[in-house]
Amino acid sequence: MSGFDDRENAFEGQYAHDQEMEFKAVARRNKLLGLWAAELMGISGDEADAYAKEVVLADFEEAGHEDVFRKIRGDLDARGVEQSDHQIRHRMDQLLEDARTQVRNEA
């Protein structure tokens, strides 16, 4: 195998690792987001954990983050919880950074 092949394999391996880490971080963010929203809605304990799992599963509806946003937006609205779109999206961004840090520290 040439040096070029070795580098190519290394880059492919790094890319696969980075993608796996990002997938884990997004799933962790969704769980944290679900727990945050549950708290806002007055949900706690096992019910909050179950709700967080619903949020994680909502991310598999379509590519991107809009499916998760719509779930949170709809659920907060249904419970009469005041949060602007900007506040929800900002919290999503904050929690994604927190989740990335957590996943990196676990690796």
N, C-alpha and C. Protein backbone atom coordinates (compact mmCIF):
# COMPACT_ATOMS: atom_id res chain seq x y z
N MET A 1 0.85 -1.17 0.00
CA MET A 1 0.00 0.00 0.00
C MET A 1 0.89 1.24 0.00
N SER A 2 0.54 2.21 -0.82
CA SER A 2 1.36 3.41 -0.91
C SER A 2 1.03 4.37 0.23
N GLY A 3 1.88 5.37 0.37
CA GLY A 3 1.65 6.40 1.38
C GLY A 3 0.34 7.12 1.12
N PHE A 4 0.00 7.30 -0.16
CA PHE A 4 -1.26 7.96 -0.51
C PHE A 4 -2.45 7.14 -0.02
N ASP A 5 -2.40 5.83 -0.23
CA ASP A 5 -3.48 4.95 0.22
C ASP A 5 -3.61 4.99 1.75
N ASP A 6 -2.48 5.01 2.43
CA ASP A 6 -2.50 5.08 3.89
C ASP A 6 -3.18 6.36 4.36
N ARG A 7 -2.83 7.48 3.73
CA ARG A 7 -3.44 8.76 4.11
C ARG A 7 -4.92 8.78 3.79
N GLU A 8 -5.28 8.22 2.64
CA GLU A 8 -6.69 8.18 2.26
C GLU A 8 -7.50 7.37 3.28
N ASN A 9 -6.98 6.22 3.67
CA ASN A 9 -7.66 5.39 4.67
C ASN A 9 -7.75 6.10 6.01
N ALA A 10 -6.71 6.83 6.37
CA ALA A 10 -6.73 7.57 7.63
C ALA A 10 -7.80 8.66 7.59
N PHE A 11 -7.89 9.38 6.47
CA PHE A 11 -8.91 10.43 6.35
C PHE A 11 -10.32 9.84 6.38
N GLU A 12 -10.50 8.71 5.71
CA GLU A 12 -11.81 8.05 5.72
C GLU A 12 -12.17 7.59 7.12
N GLY A 13 -11.21 7.06 7.83
CA GLY A 13 -11.45 6.63 9.20
C GLY A 13 -11.79 7.80 10.11
N GLN A 14 -11.08 8.90 9.94
CA GLN A 14 -11.36 10.09 10.75
C GLN A 14 -12.74 10.65 10.43
N TYR A 15 -13.10 10.67 9.16
CA TYR A 15 -14.42 11.17 8.75
C TYR A 15 -15.52 10.30 9.38
N ALA A 16 -15.37 8.99 9.31
CA ALA A 16 -16.37 8.09 9.89
C ALA A 16 -16.48 8.31 11.40
N HIS A 17 -15.35 8.48 12.06
CA HIS A 17 -15.35 8.73 13.50
C HIS A 17 -16.05 10.06 13.81
N ASP A 18 -15.74 11.10 13.05
CA ASP A 18 -16.36 12.41 13.27
C ASP A 18 -17.87 12.34 13.07
N GLN A 19 -18.31 11.61 12.06
CA GLN A 19 -19.74 11.47 11.80
C GLN A 19 -20.43 10.73 12.95
N GLU A 20 -19.81 9.70 13.45
CA GLU A 20 -20.37 8.94 14.57
C GLU A 20 -20.47 9.81 15.82
N MET A 21 -19.44 10.61 16.07
CA MET A 21 -19.45 11.50 17.24
C MET A 21 -20.55 12.56 17.10
N GLU A 22 -20.74 13.09 15.91
CA GLU A 22 -21.78 14.10 15.70
C GLU A 22 -23.17 13.47 15.86
N PHE A 23 -23.35 12.27 15.36
CA PHE A 23 -24.63 11.57 15.54
C PHE A 23 -24.95 11.41 17.03
N LYS A 24 -23.95 10.98 17.79
CA LYS A 24 -24.13 10.80 19.23
C LYS A 24 -24.44 12.13 19.91
N ALA A 25 -23.75 13.20 19.49
CA ALA A 25 -23.97 14.52 20.08
C ALA A 25 -25.37 15.02 19.79
N VAL A 26 -25.86 14.82 18.57
CA VAL A 26 -27.21 15.28 18.22
C VAL A 26 -28.25 14.49 19.02
N ALA A 27 -28.06 13.20 19.14
CA ALA A 27 -28.99 12.39 19.94
C ALA A 27 -28.97 12.84 21.40
N ARG A 28 -27.78 13.12 21.93
CA ARG A 28 -27.67 13.61 23.31
C ARG A 28 -28.34 14.97 23.44
N ARG A 29 -28.13 15.85 22.46
CA ARG A 29 -28.78 17.16 22.48
C ARG A 29 -30.29 17.01 22.53
N ASN A 30 -30.81 16.11 21.72
CA ASN A 30 -32.26 15.92 21.68
C ASN A 30 -32.79 15.42 23.02
N LYS A 31 -32.06 14.55 23.66
CA LYS A 31 -32.47 14.07 24.99
C LYS A 31 -32.45 15.22 25.99
N LEU A 32 -31.38 16.00 25.99
CA LEU A 32 -31.29 17.15 26.89
C LEU A 32 -32.38 18.17 26.61
N LEU A 33 -32.67 18.37 25.33
CA LEU A 33 -33.73 19.30 24.94
C LEU A 33 -35.08 18.80 25.44
N GLY A 34 -35.31 17.51 25.32
CA GLY A 34 -36.55 16.93 25.81
C GLY A 34 -36.70 17.09 27.31
N LEU A 35 -35.60 16.91 28.04
CA LEU A 35 -35.65 17.09 29.49
C LEU A 35 -35.90 18.56 29.86
N TRP A 36 -35.30 19.47 29.10
CA TRP A 36 -35.52 20.91 29.31
C TRP A 36 -36.99 21.26 29.08
N ALA A 37 -37.53 20.79 27.95
CA ALA A 37 -38.93 21.09 27.62
C ALA A 37 -39.87 20.44 28.64
N ALA A 38 -39.55 19.24 29.06
CA ALA A 38 -40.38 18.56 30.05
C ALA A 38 -40.44 19.38 31.33
N GLU A 39 -39.31 19.90 31.75
CA GLU A 39 -39.28 20.73 32.96
C GLU A 39 -40.16 21.97 32.79
N LEU A 40 -40.08 22.60 31.62
CA LEU A 40 -40.92 23.78 31.35
C LEU A 40 -42.41 23.43 31.41
N MET A 41 -42.74 22.20 31.01
CA MET A 41 -44.14 21.77 30.97
C MET A 41 -44.59 21.16 32.30
N GLY A 42 -43.70 21.13 33.28
CA GLY A 42 -44.06 20.59 34.58
C GLY A 42 -44.05 19.08 34.64
N ILE A 43 -43.30 18.45 33.74
CA ILE A 43 -43.18 17.00 33.69
C ILE A 43 -41.88 16.60 34.39
N SER A 44 -41.92 15.57 35.22
CA SER A 44 -40.71 15.15 35.92
C SER A 44 -40.64 13.63 36.02
N GLY A 45 -39.53 13.16 36.52
CA GLY A 45 -39.33 11.73 36.77
C GLY A 45 -39.34 10.88 35.51
N ASP A 46 -39.96 9.71 35.63
CA ASP A 46 -40.01 8.77 34.52
C ASP A 46 -40.76 9.35 33.32
N GLU A 47 -41.76 10.16 33.60
CA GLU A 47 -42.52 10.79 32.51
C GLU A 47 -41.62 11.74 31.71
N ALA A 48 -40.74 12.46 32.38
CA ALA A 48 -39.80 13.35 31.70
C ALA A 48 -38.82 12.54 30.85
N ASP A 49 -38.34 11.43 31.38
CA ASP A 49 -37.44 10.56 30.62
C ASP A 49 -38.13 10.01 29.37
N ALA A 50 -39.38 9.61 29.53
CA ALA A 50 -40.15 9.09 28.39
C ALA A 50 -40.35 10.18 27.35
N TYR A 51 -40.63 11.39 27.79
CA TYR A 51 -40.81 12.50 26.86
C TYR A 51 -39.50 12.78 26.12
N ALA A 52 -38.38 12.76 26.83
CA ALA A 52 -37.08 12.99 26.19
C ALA A 52 -36.82 11.94 25.10
N LYS A 53 -37.23 10.71 25.34
CA LYS A 53 -37.07 9.66 24.32
C LYS A 53 -37.94 9.96 23.10
N GLU A 54 -39.14 10.51 23.32
CA GLU A 54 -40.00 10.91 22.21
C GLU A 54 -39.31 11.97 21.35
N VAL A 55 -38.63 12.90 22.00
CA VAL A 55 -37.93 13.96 21.27
C VAL A 55 -36.79 13.36 20.45
N VAL A 56 -36.06 12.43 21.02
CA VAL A 56 -34.97 11.77 20.29
C VAL A 56 -35.54 11.07 19.05
N LEU A 57 -36.64 10.36 19.22
CA LEU A 57 -37.25 9.64 18.09
C LEU A 57 -37.81 10.59 17.04
N ALA A 58 -38.24 11.77 17.44
CA ALA A 58 -38.78 12.75 16.49
C ALA A 58 -37.73 13.16 15.47
N ASP A 59 -36.46 13.06 15.83
CA ASP A 59 -35.39 13.48 14.92
C ASP A 59 -35.26 12.55 13.72
N PHE A 60 -35.88 11.39 13.76
CA PHE A 60 -35.77 10.44 12.66
C PHE A 60 -36.85 10.62 11.61
N GLU A 61 -37.71 11.63 11.78
CA GLU A 61 -38.79 11.86 10.83
C GLU A 61 -38.28 12.42 9.50
N GLU A 62 -37.27 13.29 9.55
CA GLU A 62 -36.72 13.88 8.33
C GLU A 62 -35.30 14.36 8.63
N ALA A 63 -34.57 14.65 7.58
CA ALA A 63 -33.21 15.15 7.75
C ALA A 63 -33.24 16.55 8.36
N GLY A 64 -32.23 16.88 9.13
CA GLY A 64 -32.15 18.20 9.74
C GLY A 64 -32.79 18.23 11.11
N HIS A 65 -32.93 19.43 11.64
CA HIS A 65 -33.38 19.61 13.01
C HIS A 65 -34.81 20.14 13.10
N GLU A 66 -35.43 20.40 11.97
CA GLU A 66 -36.76 21.01 12.00
C GLU A 66 -37.81 20.09 12.62
N ASP A 67 -37.67 18.78 12.45
CA ASP A 67 -38.64 17.86 13.05
C ASP A 67 -38.61 17.94 14.57
N VAL A 68 -37.43 18.08 15.13
CA VAL A 68 -37.30 18.20 16.58
C VAL A 68 -37.87 19.55 17.04
N PHE A 69 -37.54 20.60 16.31
CA PHE A 69 -38.06 21.92 16.65
C PHE A 69 -39.60 21.91 16.64
N ARG A 70 -40.18 21.33 15.59
CA ARG A 70 -41.65 21.29 15.48
C ARG A 70 -42.28 20.53 16.65
N LYS A 71 -41.65 19.43 17.05
CA LYS A 71 -42.16 18.66 18.18
C LYS A 71 -42.16 19.51 19.44
N ILE A 72 -41.03 20.11 19.74
CA ILE A 72 -40.92 20.94 20.94
C ILE A 72 -41.89 22.11 20.87
N ARG A 73 -41.93 22.80 19.73
CA ARG A 73 -42.81 23.95 19.56
C ARG A 73 -44.27 23.55 19.79
N GLY A 74 -44.68 22.46 19.15
CA GLY A 74 -46.06 22.00 19.28
C GLY A 74 -46.42 21.59 20.69
N ASP A 75 -45.51 20.90 21.36
CA ASP A 75 -45.79 20.43 22.71
C ASP A 75 -45.83 21.59 23.71
N LEU A 76 -44.92 22.53 23.55
CA LEU A 76 -44.95 23.70 24.44
C LEU A 76 -46.23 24.50 24.22
N ASP A 77 -46.60 24.68 22.96
CA ASP A 77 -47.84 25.41 22.66
C ASP A 77 -49.06 24.70 23.24
N ALA A 78 -49.10 23.37 23.11
CA ALA A 78 -50.23 22.60 23.62
C ALA A 78 -50.37 22.72 25.13
N ARG A 79 -49.26 22.92 25.81
CA ARG A 79 -49.29 23.05 27.28
C ARG A 79 -49.36 24.51 27.73
N GLY A 80 -49.40 25.43 26.75
CA GLY A 80 -49.50 26.85 27.10
C GLY A 80 -48.22 27.43 27.67
N VAL A 81 -47.07 26.85 27.31
CA VAL A 81 -45.78 27.34 27.79
C VAL A 81 -45.25 28.39 26.81
N GLU A 82 -44.97 29.57 27.33
CA GLU A 82 -44.49 30.68 26.50
C GLU A 82 -42.99 30.55 26.24
N GLN A 83 -42.63 30.27 25.02
CA GLN A 83 -41.24 30.27 24.56
C GLN A 83 -41.27 30.70 23.10
N SER A 84 -40.45 31.67 22.74
CA SER A 84 -40.41 32.11 21.35
C SER A 84 -39.62 31.08 20.52
N ASP A 85 -39.81 31.15 19.22
CA ASP A 85 -39.03 30.29 18.33
C ASP A 85 -37.54 30.53 18.56
N HIS A 86 -37.18 31.80 18.71
CA HIS A 86 -35.77 32.14 18.93
C HIS A 86 -35.25 31.49 20.21
N GLN A 87 -36.03 31.52 21.28
CA GLN A 87 -35.60 30.92 22.54
C GLN A 87 -35.39 29.41 22.40
N ILE A 88 -36.30 28.76 21.70
CA ILE A 88 -36.17 27.31 21.51
C ILE A 88 -34.94 27.00 20.67
N ARG A 89 -34.77 27.72 19.56
CA ARG A 89 -33.62 27.46 18.68
C ARG A 89 -32.31 27.77 19.39
N HIS A 90 -32.30 28.83 20.18
CA HIS A 90 -31.09 29.19 20.93
C HIS A 90 -30.76 28.07 21.93
N ARG A 91 -31.77 27.56 22.61
CA ARG A 91 -31.54 26.47 23.56
C ARG A 91 -31.04 25.22 22.83
N MET A 92 -31.59 24.95 21.65
CA MET A 92 -31.12 23.82 20.85
C MET A 92 -29.63 23.97 20.54
N ASP A 93 -29.22 25.17 20.15
CA ASP A 93 -27.81 25.43 19.83
C ASP A 93 -26.92 25.26 21.06
N GLN A 94 -27.36 25.81 22.19
CA GLN A 94 -26.59 25.68 23.43
C GLN A 94 -26.43 24.22 23.83
N LEU A 95 -27.52 23.49 23.77
CA LEU A 95 -27.47 22.09 24.19
C LEU A 95 -26.65 21.23 23.24
N LEU A 96 -26.61 21.60 21.96
CA LEU A 96 -25.77 20.85 21.02
C LEU A 96 -24.30 21.03 21.38
N GLU A 97 -23.91 22.23 21.73
CA GLU A 97 -22.52 22.45 22.16
C GLU A 97 -22.22 21.68 23.44
N ASP A 98 -23.15 21.72 24.39
CA ASP A 98 -22.97 20.95 25.63
C ASP A 98 -22.84 19.46 25.33
N ALA A 99 -23.69 18.95 24.44
CA ALA A 99 -23.68 17.53 24.10
C ALA A 99 -22.38 17.15 23.40
N ARG A 100 -21.90 18.02 22.50
CA ARG A 100 -20.62 17.73 21.83
C ARG A 100 -19.49 17.61 22.84
N THR A 101 -19.48 18.50 23.81
CA THR A 101 -18.45 18.47 24.85
C THR A 101 -18.56 17.18 25.65
N GLN A 102 -19.78 16.82 26.04
CA GLN A 102 -19.98 15.59 26.81
C GLN A 102 -19.52 14.36 26.03
N VAL A 103 -19.87 14.28 24.76
CA VAL A 103 -19.48 13.13 23.95
C VAL A 103 -17.98 13.07 23.76
N ARG A 104 -17.35 14.22 23.54
CA ARG A 104 -15.89 14.26 23.39
C ARG A 104 -15.21 13.79 24.67
N ASN A 105 -15.74 14.22 25.81
CA ASN A 105 -15.13 13.86 27.09
C ASN A 105 -15.31 12.39 27.43
N GLU A 106 -16.34 11.77 26.87
CA GLU A 106 -16.56 10.34 27.11
C GLU A 106 -15.69 9.46 26.22
N ALA A 107 -15.24 10.01 25.10
CA ALA A 107 -14.46 9.21 24.14
C ALA A 107 -13.05 8.95 24.63
